[in-house]
Every structure is written in structure tokens, then in C-alpha cells.
C-alpha atoms as a PDB file:
ATOM      1  CA  MET A   1       1.530 -15.028 -11.402  1.00  0.00           C
ATOM      2  CA  THR A   2      -0.394 -12.028 -10.069  1.00  0.00           C
ATOM      3  CA  ASN A   3      -0.263  -8.733 -11.972  1.00  0.00           C
ATOM      4  CA  ILE A   4      -0.598  -5.712  -9.703  1.00  0.00           C
ATOM      5  CA  LEU A   5      -0.846  -2.085 -10.789  1.00  0.00           C
ATOM      6  CA  LEU A   6       0.736   0.600  -8.602  1.00  0.00           C
ATOM      7  CA  PRO A   7      -0.078   4.151  -9.761  1.00  0.00           C
ATOM      8  CA  THR A   8       2.244   6.837  -8.443  1.00  0.00           C
ATOM      9  CA  ASP A   9       2.504  10.599  -8.583  1.00  0.00           C
ATOM     10  CA  PHE A  10       5.761  10.383  -6.580  1.00  0.00           C
ATOM     11  CA  SER A  11       4.057  11.662  -3.448  1.00  0.00           C
ATOM     12  CA  GLU A  12       4.584  10.306   0.050  1.00  0.00           C
ATOM     13  CA  ASN A  13       1.091   8.813  -0.017  1.00  0.00           C
ATOM     14  CA  ALA A  14       1.759   6.958  -3.255  1.00  0.00           C
ATOM     15  CA  TRP A  15       5.021   5.549  -1.867  1.00  0.00           C
ATOM     16  CA  HIS A  16       3.200   4.454   1.283  1.00  0.00           C
ATOM     17  CA  ALA A  17       0.703   2.499  -0.838  1.00  0.00           C
ATOM     18  CA  ILE A  18       3.551   0.852  -2.762  1.00  0.00           C
ATOM     19  CA  GLU A  19       5.190  -0.232   0.497  1.00  0.00           C
ATOM     20  CA  TYR A  20       1.864  -1.587   1.730  1.00  0.00           C
ATOM     21  CA  ALA A  21       1.392  -3.581  -1.471  1.00  0.00           C
ATOM     22  CA  LEU A  22       4.886  -5.054  -1.293  1.00  0.00           C
ATOM     23  CA  ASP A  23       4.220  -6.203   2.273  1.00  0.00           C
ATOM     24  CA  LEU A  24       0.700  -7.440   1.563  1.00  0.00           C
ATOM     25  CA  PHE A  25       1.844  -9.586  -1.372  1.00  0.00           C
ATOM     26  CA  LYS A  26       5.296 -10.489  -0.032  1.00  0.00           C
ATOM     27  CA  ASN A  27       4.583 -14.221  -0.212  1.00  0.00           C
ATOM     28  CA  GLU A  28       2.992 -14.065  -3.658  1.00  0.00           C
ATOM     29  CA  THR A  29       4.701 -14.342  -7.035  1.00  0.00           C
ATOM     30  CA  CYS A  30       3.869 -10.981  -8.600  1.00  0.00           C
ATOM     31  CA  ASN A  31       4.534  -8.692 -11.494  1.00  0.00           C
ATOM     32  CA  PHE A  32       4.242  -5.097 -10.285  1.00  0.00           C
ATOM     33  CA  TYR A  33       3.474  -2.463 -12.891  1.00  0.00           C
ATOM     34  CA  ILE A  34       4.444   0.939 -11.521  1.00  0.00           C
ATOM     35  CA  ILE A  35       2.887   3.672 -13.640  1.00  0.00           C
ATOM     36  CA  ASN A  36       3.068   7.418 -13.727  1.00  0.00           C
ATOM     37  CA  SER A  37       0.681   9.222 -16.035  1.00  0.00           C
ATOM     38  CA  PHE A  38       0.890  12.823 -17.110  1.00  0.00           C
ATOM     39  CA  ASP A  39      -1.199  15.036 -19.331  1.00  0.00           C
ATOM     40  CA  GLN A  40      -0.202  18.271 -21.013  1.00  0.00           C
ATOM     41  CA  PRO A  41      -1.808  21.335 -19.395  1.00  0.00           C
ATOM     42  CA  GLY A  42      -4.416  23.302 -21.331  1.00  0.00           C
ATOM     43  CA  SER A  43      -3.302  25.648 -24.046  1.00  0.00           C
ATOM     44  CA  SER A  44      -1.953  29.002 -22.971  1.00  0.00           C
ATOM     45  CA  GLY A  45      -2.083  32.334 -24.685  1.00  0.00           C
ATOM     46  CA  TYR A  46       0.789  31.413 -26.975  1.00  0.00           C
ATOM     47  CA  MET A  47       0.044  31.299 -30.682  1.00  0.00           C
ATOM     48  CA  GLY A  48       1.549  29.704 -33.748  1.00  0.00           C
ATOM     49  CA  VAL A  49       5.114  28.374 -33.656  1.00  0.00           C
ATOM     50  CA  THR A  50       5.724  29.702 -30.162  1.00  0.00           C
ATOM     51  CA  SER A  51       2.744  27.712 -28.865  1.00  0.00           C
ATOM     52  CA  VAL A  52       3.941  24.501 -30.524  1.00  0.00           C
ATOM     53  CA  MET A  53       7.454  24.988 -29.186  1.00  0.00           C
ATOM     54  CA  ALA A  54       6.135  25.713 -25.698  1.00  0.00           C
ATOM     55  CA  LYS A  55       3.986  22.598 -25.691  1.00  0.00           C
ATOM     56  CA  GLU A  56       6.846  20.462 -26.956  1.00  0.00           C
ATOM     57  CA  SER A  57       9.128  21.850 -24.277  1.00  0.00           C
ATOM     58  CA  ILE A  58       6.549  21.131 -21.554  1.00  0.00           C
ATOM     59  CA  TYR A  59       5.994  17.627 -22.893  1.00  0.00           C
ATOM     60  CA  ASN A  60       9.708  16.824 -22.958  1.00  0.00           C
ATOM     61  CA  ALA A  61      10.085  18.074 -19.397  1.00  0.00           C
ATOM     62  CA  GLN A  62       7.147  15.939 -18.280  1.00  0.00           C
ATOM     63  CA  VAL A  63       8.597  12.852 -19.934  1.00  0.00           C
ATOM     64  CA  GLU A  64      11.955  13.411 -18.265  1.00  0.00           C
ATOM     65  CA  ASN A  65      10.388  14.047 -14.851  1.00  0.00           C
ATOM     66  CA  SER A  66       8.203  10.964 -15.165  1.00  0.00           C
ATOM     67  CA  LYS A  67      11.007   8.624 -16.179  1.00  0.00           C
ATOM     68  CA  ASN A  68      13.367  10.001 -13.537  1.00  0.00           C
ATOM     69  CA  GLY A  69      10.678   9.705 -10.886  1.00  0.00           C
ATOM     70  CA  LEU A  70       9.946   6.091 -11.806  1.00  0.00           C
ATOM     71  CA  ARG A  71      13.657   5.302 -11.751  1.00  0.00           C
ATOM     72  CA  ASP A  72      13.897   6.758  -8.249  1.00  0.00           C
ATOM     73  CA  VAL A  73      10.905   4.697  -7.087  1.00  0.00           C
ATOM     74  CA  LEU A  74      12.422   1.500  -8.460  1.00  0.00           C
ATOM     75  CA  ASP A  75      15.790   2.278  -6.856  1.00  0.00           C
ATOM     76  CA  LYS A  76      14.014   2.837  -3.552  1.00  0.00           C
ATOM     77  CA  ILE A  77      12.203  -0.485  -3.854  1.00  0.00           C
ATOM     78  CA  ASN A  78      15.393  -2.382  -4.658  1.00  0.00           C
ATOM     79  CA  ALA A  79      17.183  -0.738  -1.751  1.00  0.00           C
ATOM     80  CA  ASN A  80      14.483  -1.541   0.799  1.00  0.00           C
ATOM     81  CA  TYR A  81      12.608  -4.599  -0.464  1.00  0.00           C
ATOM     82  CA  SER A  82      14.545  -7.625  -1.649  1.00  0.00           C
ATOM     83  CA  ASN A  83      12.081 -10.276  -2.791  1.00  0.00           C
ATOM     84  CA  ASN A  84      12.739 -12.914  -5.427  1.00  0.00           C
ATOM     85  CA  ASN A  85       8.977 -13.370  -5.838  1.00  0.00           C
ATOM     86  CA  HIS A  86       8.583  -9.887  -7.242  1.00  0.00           C
ATOM     87  CA  LYS A  87       9.340  -8.416 -10.646  1.00  0.00           C
ATOM     88  CA  TYR A  88       8.838  -4.783 -11.654  1.00  0.00           C
ATOM     89  CA  LYS A  89       8.031  -2.870 -14.813  1.00  0.00           C
ATOM     90  CA  CYS A  90       7.872   0.938 -14.897  1.00  0.00           C
ATOM     91  CA  LEU A  91       5.555   2.694 -17.330  1.00  0.00           C
ATOM     92  CA  SER A  92       5.503   6.395 -18.118  1.00  0.00           C
ATOM     93  CA  ILE A  93       2.269   7.192 -19.939  1.00  0.00           C
ATOM     94  CA  PHE A  94       1.149  10.382 -21.652  1.00  0.00           C
ATOM     95  CA  LYS A  95      -2.550  10.127 -20.884  1.00  0.00           C
ATOM     96  CA  PRO A  96      -5.015  11.377 -18.277  1.00  0.00           C
ATOM     97  CA  PHE A  97      -4.959   9.206 -15.169  1.00  0.00           C
ATOM     98  CA  SER A  98      -8.092   7.118 -15.732  1.00  0.00           C
ATOM     99  CA  GLY A  99      -7.266   6.474 -19.387  1.00  0.00           C
ATOM    100  CA  ALA A 100      -3.738   5.410 -18.504  1.00  0.00           C
ATOM    101  CA  VAL A 101      -4.926   3.016 -15.813  1.00  0.00           C
ATOM    102  CA  LYS A 102      -7.587   1.445 -18.038  1.00  0.00           C
ATOM    103  CA  LYS A 103      -5.024   0.996 -20.819  1.00  0.00           C
ATOM    104  CA  VAL A 104      -2.562  -0.798 -18.545  1.00  0.00           C
ATOM    105  CA  VAL A 105      -5.283  -2.911 -16.898  1.00  0.00           C
ATOM    106  CA  LYS A 106      -6.325  -4.229 -20.298  1.00  0.00           C
ATOM    107  CA  GLU A 107      -2.897  -4.555 -21.899  1.00  0.00           C
ATOM    108  CA  PHE A 108      -1.209  -6.338 -18.998  1.00  0.00           C
ATOM    109  CA  GLU A 109      -4.227  -8.224 -17.635  1.00  0.00           C
ATOM    110  CA  ILE A 110      -4.002  -6.541 -14.242  1.00  0.00           C
ATOM    111  CA  ASP A 111      -5.462  -8.510 -11.339  1.00  0.00           C
ATOM    112  CA  CYS A 112      -5.498  -5.747  -8.736  1.00  0.00           C
ATOM    113  CA  ILE A 113      -4.867  -2.009  -8.362  1.00  0.00           C
ATOM    114  CA  VAL A 114      -3.310  -0.725  -5.137  1.00  0.00           C
ATOM    115  CA  MET A 115      -3.351   3.034  -4.638  1.00  0.00           C
ATOM    116  CA  GLY A 116      -2.763   5.557  -1.919  1.00  0.00           C
ATOM    117  CA  THR A 117      -5.055   8.290  -0.708  1.00  0.00           C
ATOM    118  CA  LYS A 118      -4.336  11.786   0.520  1.00  0.00           C
ATOM    119  CA  GLY A 119      -6.413  11.673   3.680  1.00  0.00           C
ATOM    120  CA  ALA A 120      -7.244   9.304   6.488  1.00  0.00           C
ATOM    121  CA  GLY A 121     -10.545   8.435   4.850  1.00  0.00           C
ATOM    122  CA  ALA A 122      -9.758   6.229   1.870  1.00  0.00           C
ATOM    123  CA  LEU A 123     -13.250   6.121   0.422  1.00  0.00           C
ATOM    124  CA  LYS A 124     -13.618   9.895   0.570  1.00  0.00           C
ATOM    125  CA  GLU A 125     -10.422  10.452  -1.375  1.00  0.00           C
ATOM    126  CA  ILE A 126     -11.448   7.951  -4.033  1.00  0.00           C
ATOM    127  CA  THR A 127     -14.900   9.306  -4.693  1.00  0.00           C
ATOM    128  CA  VAL A 128     -14.442  13.037  -4.280  1.00  0.00           C
ATOM    129  CA  GLY A 129     -11.851  15.293  -5.877  1.00  0.00           C
ATOM    130  CA  SER A 130      -9.751  12.420  -7.167  1.00  0.00           C
ATOM    131  CA  ASN A 131      -8.877  11.041 -10.578  1.00  0.00           C
ATOM    132  CA  THR A 132      -9.647   7.634  -9.179  1.00  0.00           C
ATOM    133  CA  SER A 133     -13.382   8.324  -9.154  1.00  0.00           C
ATOM    134  CA  SER A 134     -13.553   7.411 -12.831  1.00  0.00           C
ATOM    135  CA  LEU A 135     -12.221   3.912 -12.068  1.00  0.00           C
ATOM    136  CA  ILE A 136     -14.998   2.878  -9.694  1.00  0.00           C
ATOM    137  CA  GLY A 137     -17.263   0.456 -11.504  1.00  0.00           C
ATOM    138  CA  THR A 138     -15.347   0.819 -14.784  1.00  0.00           C
ATOM    139  CA  VAL A 139     -12.360  -1.456 -14.166  1.00  0.00           C
ATOM    140  CA  ASN A 140     -13.116  -5.124 -13.605  1.00  0.00           C
ATOM    141  CA  CYS A 141     -10.206  -5.764 -11.299  1.00  0.00           C
ATOM    142  CA  PRO A 142     -10.446  -5.000  -7.571  1.00  0.00           C
ATOM    143  CA  ILE A 143      -9.065  -1.780  -6.123  1.00  0.00           C
ATOM    144  CA  ILE A 144      -7.308  -1.669  -2.779  1.00  0.00           C
ATOM    145  CA  ALA A 145      -7.249   1.851  -1.341  1.00  0.00           C
ATOM    146  CA  ILE A 146      -4.645   2.497   1.328  1.00  0.00           C
ATOM    147  CA  PRO A 147      -5.351   5.326   3.799  1.00  0.00           C
ATOM    148  CA  LYS A 148      -2.485   7.640   4.605  1.00  0.00           C
ATOM    149  CA  TYR A 149      -1.896   6.347   8.122  1.00  0.00           C
ATOM    150  CA  ALA A 150      -2.647   2.651   7.604  1.00  0.00           C
ATOM    151  CA  GLU A 151       0.245   0.521   8.835  1.00  0.00           C
ATOM    152  CA  TYR A 152       0.634  -2.949   7.401  1.00  0.00           C
ATOM    153  CA  LYS A 153       0.419  -5.902   9.752  1.00  0.00           C
ATOM    154  CA  ALA A 154      -0.504  -9.506   9.191  1.00  0.00           C
ATOM    155  CA  PHE A 155      -4.264  -9.690   8.700  1.00  0.00           C
ATOM    156  CA  LYS A 156      -6.287 -11.431  11.378  1.00  0.00           C
ATOM    157  CA  GLU A 157      -9.759 -10.408  10.308  1.00  0.00           C
ATOM    158  CA  ILE A 158     -11.297  -8.869   7.202  1.00  0.00           C
ATOM    159  CA  GLY A 159     -14.809  -7.456   7.202  1.00  0.00           C
ATOM    160  CA  ILE A 160     -17.396  -7.239   4.468  1.00  0.00           C
ATOM    161  CA  SER A 161     -20.412  -4.955   4.717  1.00  0.00           C
ATOM    162  CA  THR A 162     -23.456  -6.076   2.758  1.00  0.00           C
ATOM    163  CA  ASP A 163     -27.219  -5.740   2.630  1.00  0.00           C
ATOM    164  CA  PHE A 164     -27.545  -9.216   1.048  1.00  0.00           C
ATOM    165  CA  ASP A 165     -29.060  -7.823  -2.109  1.00  0.00           C
ATOM    166  CA  ILE A 166     -26.632  -9.400  -4.593  1.00  0.00           C
ATOM    167  CA  THR A 167     -25.999 -13.006  -5.555  1.00  0.00           C
ATOM    168  CA  PHE A 168     -22.563 -13.855  -4.212  1.00  0.00           C
ATOM    169  CA  THR A 169     -20.303 -15.994  -6.393  1.00  0.00           C
ATOM    170  CA  GLU A 170     -16.873 -17.515  -5.933  1.00  0.00           C
ATOM    171  CA  LYS A 171     -15.611 -15.538  -8.918  1.00  0.00           C
ATOM    172  CA  GLY A 172     -16.849 -12.231  -7.569  1.00  0.00           C
ATOM    173  CA  LEU A 173     -15.463 -12.845  -4.090  1.00  0.00           C
ATOM    174  CA  SER A 174     -12.184 -14.411  -5.251  1.00  0.00           C
ATOM    175  CA  PRO A 175     -10.049 -11.308  -4.463  1.00  0.00           C
ATOM    176  CA  LEU A 176     -11.361 -11.313  -0.892  1.00  0.00           C
ATOM    177  CA  LEU A 177     -10.997 -15.084  -0.535  1.00  0.00           C
ATOM    178  CA  GLU A 178      -7.445 -15.053  -1.884  1.00  0.00           C
ATOM    179  CA  ILE A 179      -6.341 -12.314   0.507  1.00  0.00           C
ATOM    180  CA  ALA A 180      -7.993 -14.105   3.419  1.00  0.00           C
ATOM    181  CA  LYS A 181      -6.363 -17.399   2.489  1.00  0.00           C
ATOM    182  CA  SER A 182      -2.859 -15.995   1.972  1.00  0.00           C
ATOM    183  CA  ASN A 183      -3.043 -14.188   5.317  1.00  0.00           C
ATOM    184  CA  ASP A 184      -4.825 -17.006   7.159  1.00  0.00           C
ATOM    185  CA  ALA A 185      -7.423 -14.391   8.089  1.00  0.00           C
ATOM    186  CA  LEU A 186     -11.023 -14.753   9.132  1.00  0.00           C
ATOM    187  CA  VAL A 187     -13.865 -12.925   7.389  1.00  0.00           C
ATOM    188  CA  SER A 188     -16.681 -11.282   9.330  1.00  0.00           C
ATOM    189  CA  VAL A 189     -19.913 -10.134   7.697  1.00  0.00           C
ATOM    190  CA  CYS A 190     -21.935  -7.134   8.786  1.00  0.00           C
ATOM    191  CA  HIS A 191     -25.508  -6.284   7.852  1.00  0.00           C
ATOM    192  CA  ILE A 192     -27.051  -3.076   9.142  1.00  0.00           C
ATOM    193  CA  MET A 193     -30.834  -3.094   9.412  1.00  0.00           C
ATOM    194  CA  ASP A 194     -31.572   0.597   9.553  1.00  0.00           C
ATOM    195  CA  ARG A 195     -35.285   0.324   8.910  1.00  0.00           C
ATOM    196  CA  ALA A 196     -36.329  -3.235   8.075  1.00  0.00           C
ATOM    197  CA  LYS A 197     -36.995  -5.583  10.979  1.00  0.00           C
ATOM    198  CA  LYS A 198     -35.934  -8.804   9.286  1.00  0.00           C
ATOM    199  CA  LEU A 199     -34.407 -10.165   6.096  1.00  0.00           C
ATOM    200  CA  THR A 200     -36.616 -10.941   3.136  1.00  0.00           C
ATOM    201  CA  GLU A 201     -36.731 -14.447   1.700  1.00  0.00           C
ATOM    202  CA  SER A 202     -34.444 -13.344  -1.124  1.00  0.00           C
ATOM    203  CA  GLN A 203     -31.948 -11.840   1.326  1.00  0.00           C
ATOM    204  CA  ASP A 204     -31.989 -15.026   3.392  1.00  0.00           C
ATOM    205  CA  GLU A 205     -31.155 -17.075   0.294  1.00  0.00           C
ATOM    206  CA  LYS A 206     -28.244 -14.794  -0.591  1.00  0.00           C
ATOM    207  CA  LYS A 207     -26.966 -14.919   2.982  1.00  0.00           C
ATOM    208  CA  GLU A 208     -26.975 -18.728   2.912  1.00  0.00           C
ATOM    209  CA  ALA A 209     -25.062 -18.694  -0.383  1.00  0.00           C
ATOM    210  CA  LEU A 210     -22.468 -16.381   1.166  1.00  0.00           C
ATOM    211  CA  LYS A 211     -22.117 -18.708   4.155  1.00  0.00           C
ATOM    212  CA  VAL A 212     -21.180 -21.550   1.826  1.00  0.00           C
ATOM    213  CA  LEU A 213     -18.500 -19.463   0.122  1.00  0.00           C
ATOM    214  CA  LEU A 214     -17.044 -18.253   3.421  1.00  0.00           C
ATOM    215  CA  ASP A 215     -17.292 -21.590   5.222  1.00  0.00           C
ATOM    216  CA  ASP A 216     -13.507 -21.941   5.635  1.00  0.00           C
ATOM    217  CA  PHE A 217     -12.995 -18.327   6.727  1.00  0.00           C
ATOM    218  CA  SER A 218     -16.064 -17.333   8.716  1.00  0.00           C
ATOM    219  CA  ALA A 219     -15.601 -15.220  11.827  1.00  0.00           C
ATOM    220  CA  GLY A 220     -19.315 -14.766  12.221  1.00  0.00           C
ATOM    221  CA  TYR A 221     -22.292 -12.808  10.954  1.00  0.00           C
ATOM    222  CA  PHE A 222     -23.238  -9.609  12.700  1.00  0.00           C
ATOM    223  CA  THR A 223     -26.516  -7.743  12.416  1.00  0.00           C
ATOM    224  CA  LEU A 224     -26.871  -4.233  13.782  1.00  0.00           C
ATOM    225  CA  THR A 225     -30.395  -2.880  14.201  1.00  0.00           C
ATOM    226  CA  GLY A 226     -31.851   0.494  15.058  1.00  0.00           C
ATOM    227  CA  ILE A 227     -28.684   2.274  14.016  1.00  0.00           C
ATOM    228  CA  GLY A 228     -27.679   4.422  11.054  1.00  0.00           C
ATOM    229  CA  VAL A 229     -25.392   3.092   8.347  1.00  0.00           C
ATOM    230  CA  SER A 230     -22.482   5.400   9.121  1.00  0.00           C
ATOM    231  CA  THR A 231     -22.558   4.738  12.868  1.00  0.00           C
ATOM    232  CA  GLY A 232     -23.069   1.034  12.284  1.00  0.00           C
ATOM    233  CA  VAL A 233     -20.136   0.608   9.951  1.00  0.00           C
ATOM    234  CA  ARG A 234     -17.867   2.575  12.263  1.00  0.00           C
ATOM    235  CA  ALA A 235     -18.920   0.392  15.189  1.00  0.00           C
ATOM    236  CA  PHE A 236     -18.333  -2.761  13.126  1.00  0.00           C
ATOM    237  CA  VAL A 237     -14.845  -1.735  11.998  1.00  0.00           C
ATOM    238  CA  GLN A 238     -13.706  -0.572  15.399  1.00  0.00           C
ATOM    239  CA  SER A 239     -15.289  -3.242  17.584  1.00  0.00           C
ATOM    240  CA  ARG A 240     -13.903  -6.070  15.446  1.00  0.00           C
ATOM    241  CA  LYS A 241     -10.545  -4.282  15.012  1.00  0.00           C
ATOM    242  CA  LEU A 242     -10.630  -5.113  11.318  1.00  0.00           C
ATOM    243  CA  ASP A 243      -7.485  -5.127   9.202  1.00  0.00           C
ATOM    244  CA  MET A 244      -9.392  -4.514   5.944  1.00  0.00           C
ATOM    245  CA  LEU A 245     -12.959  -3.791   4.891  1.00  0.00           C
ATOM    246  CA  CYS A 246     -14.480  -5.064   1.663  1.00  0.00           C
ATOM    247  CA  VAL A 247     -17.232  -3.140  -0.125  1.00  0.00           C
ATOM    248  CA  ILE A 248     -18.931  -3.891  -3.424  1.00  0.00           C
ATOM    249  CA  ALA A 249     -19.408  -1.137  -5.990  1.00  0.00           C
ATOM    250  CA  LYS A 250     -22.827  -1.743  -7.463  1.00  0.00           C
ATOM    251  CA  GLU A 251     -22.437   0.985 -10.055  1.00  0.00           C
ATOM    252  CA  GLN A 252     -20.117   3.875 -10.829  1.00  0.00           C
ATOM    253  CA  ASP A 253     -21.690   6.328  -8.409  1.00  0.00           C
ATOM    254  CA  PHE A 254     -22.390   3.757  -5.687  1.00  0.00           C
ATOM    255  CA  LEU A 255     -19.599   4.892  -3.394  1.00  0.00           C
ATOM    256  CA  LYS A 256     -20.536   8.512  -4.000  1.00  0.00           C
ATOM    257  CA  ARG A 257     -24.010   7.789  -2.715  1.00  0.00           C
ATOM    258  CA  LEU A 258     -22.513   6.144   0.318  1.00  0.00           C
ATOM    259  CA  LEU A 259     -20.369   9.212   0.832  1.00  0.00           C
ATOM    260  CA  ASN A 260     -23.509  11.314   0.986  1.00  0.00           C
ATOM    261  CA  GLN A 261     -24.457   9.233   4.027  1.00  0.00           C
ATOM    262  CA  SER A 262     -21.088  10.010   5.627  1.00  0.00           C
ATOM    263  CA  TYR A 263     -20.332   6.349   5.013  1.00  0.00           C
ATOM    264  CA  SER A 264     -16.724   6.918   4.037  1.00  0.00           C
ATOM    265  CA  LYS A 265     -15.881   8.791   7.185  1.00  0.00           C
ATOM    266  CA  SER A 266     -17.400   6.035   9.266  1.00  0.00           C
ATOM    267  CA  ILE A 267     -15.334   3.399   7.526  1.00  0.00           C
ATOM    268  CA  SER A 268     -11.831   4.677   7.721  1.00  0.00           C
ATOM    269  CA  HIS A 269     -11.477   8.157   9.135  1.00  0.00           C
ATOM    270  CA  ARG A 270     -10.379   6.916  12.527  1.00  0.00           C
ATOM    271  CA  ALA A 271      -9.702   3.241  11.958  1.00  0.00           C
ATOM    272  CA  ASN A 272      -7.421   3.793   8.948  1.00  0.00           C
ATOM    273  CA  VAL A 273      -8.660   0.579   7.418  1.00  0.00           C
ATOM    274  CA  PRO A 274      -7.685  -0.263   3.825  1.00  0.00           C
ATOM    275  CA  LEU A 275     -10.647  -0.763   1.522  1.00  0.00           C
ATOM    276  CA  LEU A 276     -11.009  -3.643  -0.895  1.00  0.00           C
ATOM    277  CA  ILE A 277     -13.442  -2.422  -3.566  1.00  0.00           C
ATOM    278  CA  LEU A 278     -15.008  -5.117  -5.754  1.00  0.00           C
ATOM    279  CA  ASN A 279     -17.014  -4.580  -8.916  1.00  0.00           C
ATOM    280  CA  ILE A 280     -20.501  -6.063  -8.945  1.00  0.00           C
ATOM    281  CA  LYS A 281     -20.075  -6.854 -12.662  1.00  0.00           C
ATOM    282  CA  ASN A 282     -17.836  -9.752 -11.627  1.00  0.00           C
ATOM    283  CA  PHE A 283     -20.595 -11.430  -9.629  1.00  0.00           C
END
């Protein structure tokens, strides 16, 4: 049984991510935890009893809106997606977003988080101006970020971008391997050599270890030289017509550093490719 977390703020983008998740895992036996978190706004100029009454009134309204919104989402799912493999639990949580997600991940042993983004560039929305930034590198389970215009279709090929500087393990790659297996998809590996002319001995060893793990799924290994990271990743995604791209968060601000290289835009701005974000702590 796979436990999947679906955060929602009742927006169109959040619903789109839910639909994508239901299609992606349609053949899997899953428990879906649909959560909406809310946090009381900062204190106003009210004082004393009036302030307490105002806060209580706001809280009660938030609770009602959250529960009603979750009920509407569940009704929409039942009306459009009939699947005996899937079970649903709705959770309305009075906590800031990141705290609510971490609580549910731990309490319900969540295997994967699927979330929507506001723009075409999934990575940009996750790392900048989003509550989700606090989840990168802090939740052990993988995160699948669904760009606004990504349309689900059966996966043929999944890409992974790496510089071969980590020791790949079956445990760490299991989310990628499971998605590839369930979709009968191939996995292609891209390494961009922006400055170096060849792999080091250590990188060669890690590449060979990765080849063993991907033996049943390999679509090939691609090396791009004399090209910047952002241009290289964009070329990789578009030339291979990837259905998903996997990246590994080495630390909490890893994706932010990539963003500073315009990496996010290169990944998904035009290709609208969902991102599978793995945590290096699991390797």
C-alpha cells in the first residue's frame, strides 16, 4: 500500500496536481491523504475581548472553509475518478503549510508528496516564493512537482540529471525505479561537463554503480560538453522528449542554487516536465 500526500489550497493548480497523481498511480493500491492547512493571520489592532472574539471568529470561518473545500474536492474525485485501488482521507490542519506537511508525513508514513505549481516552471515555484521551499531536503519522502500545463500521458522515458558525485543506492533511487517499472518506462541519464574534460576516477565508479541499478531500464547515458548547465538540461529534456525529470536535492538550498543558474527555467519552462525530487539523505 502506497501512502501519497496531496496538499491543496483549492486552486485550479492544486486540482490539476491531484488529477495528475490519480492518473499516475491509477494501477497502484494507494491511500491518498488530501490535506488543507491554514494559519490564523497576524494579530490586528483589536485589543482585549474584542481581539479574542475576532480571532475565534476568523478561526471558525477558516475551519468551515477548509472542511467544505475538502468535501468538494472529494466529491469531485468520486464523480470523475472511480478506482477501487484508491482510498482517500481528508485532513484539515491548523498549522503553517510546512509544519502541517511534516506532521502528516510522519504520522501517516507518507511515501510521496504530489503538489501543483503556479507557473510553467515547477522548480521555480518550489524554491522561490512558495511554502514548499521549506520541504526541500527536510522531508525524506520524494516530492513530485506538477507544472501548471503538464498533461498526463503514459511515461515512455524518464530522465535523471547528475554530475556523478553521489553514491547511488537502490534505496535512494527506489522512487524513480518504481515509477519507471510501473509505467514500463526507460531511464536516460544526462551529465553536463561544463568545464571538466573527463570524469574523475570517483565519478567513473559512481557511474558504473548507477549502470547496475538502471540495467533493466536504461535508455542510454548522455554527456554534453562545452555547454552551460541551463542550456544543457533544456536540450536534454526537449531532445529526449522526457515525460519526467529526476533531480536530487543535496541539501535544503540545493535547488535554490540551481535556480540562480537559471536551471529551473531550463528544466520545465517550455517542456512542462514534472519533477521528481529525491533527498540525498536517502542514499
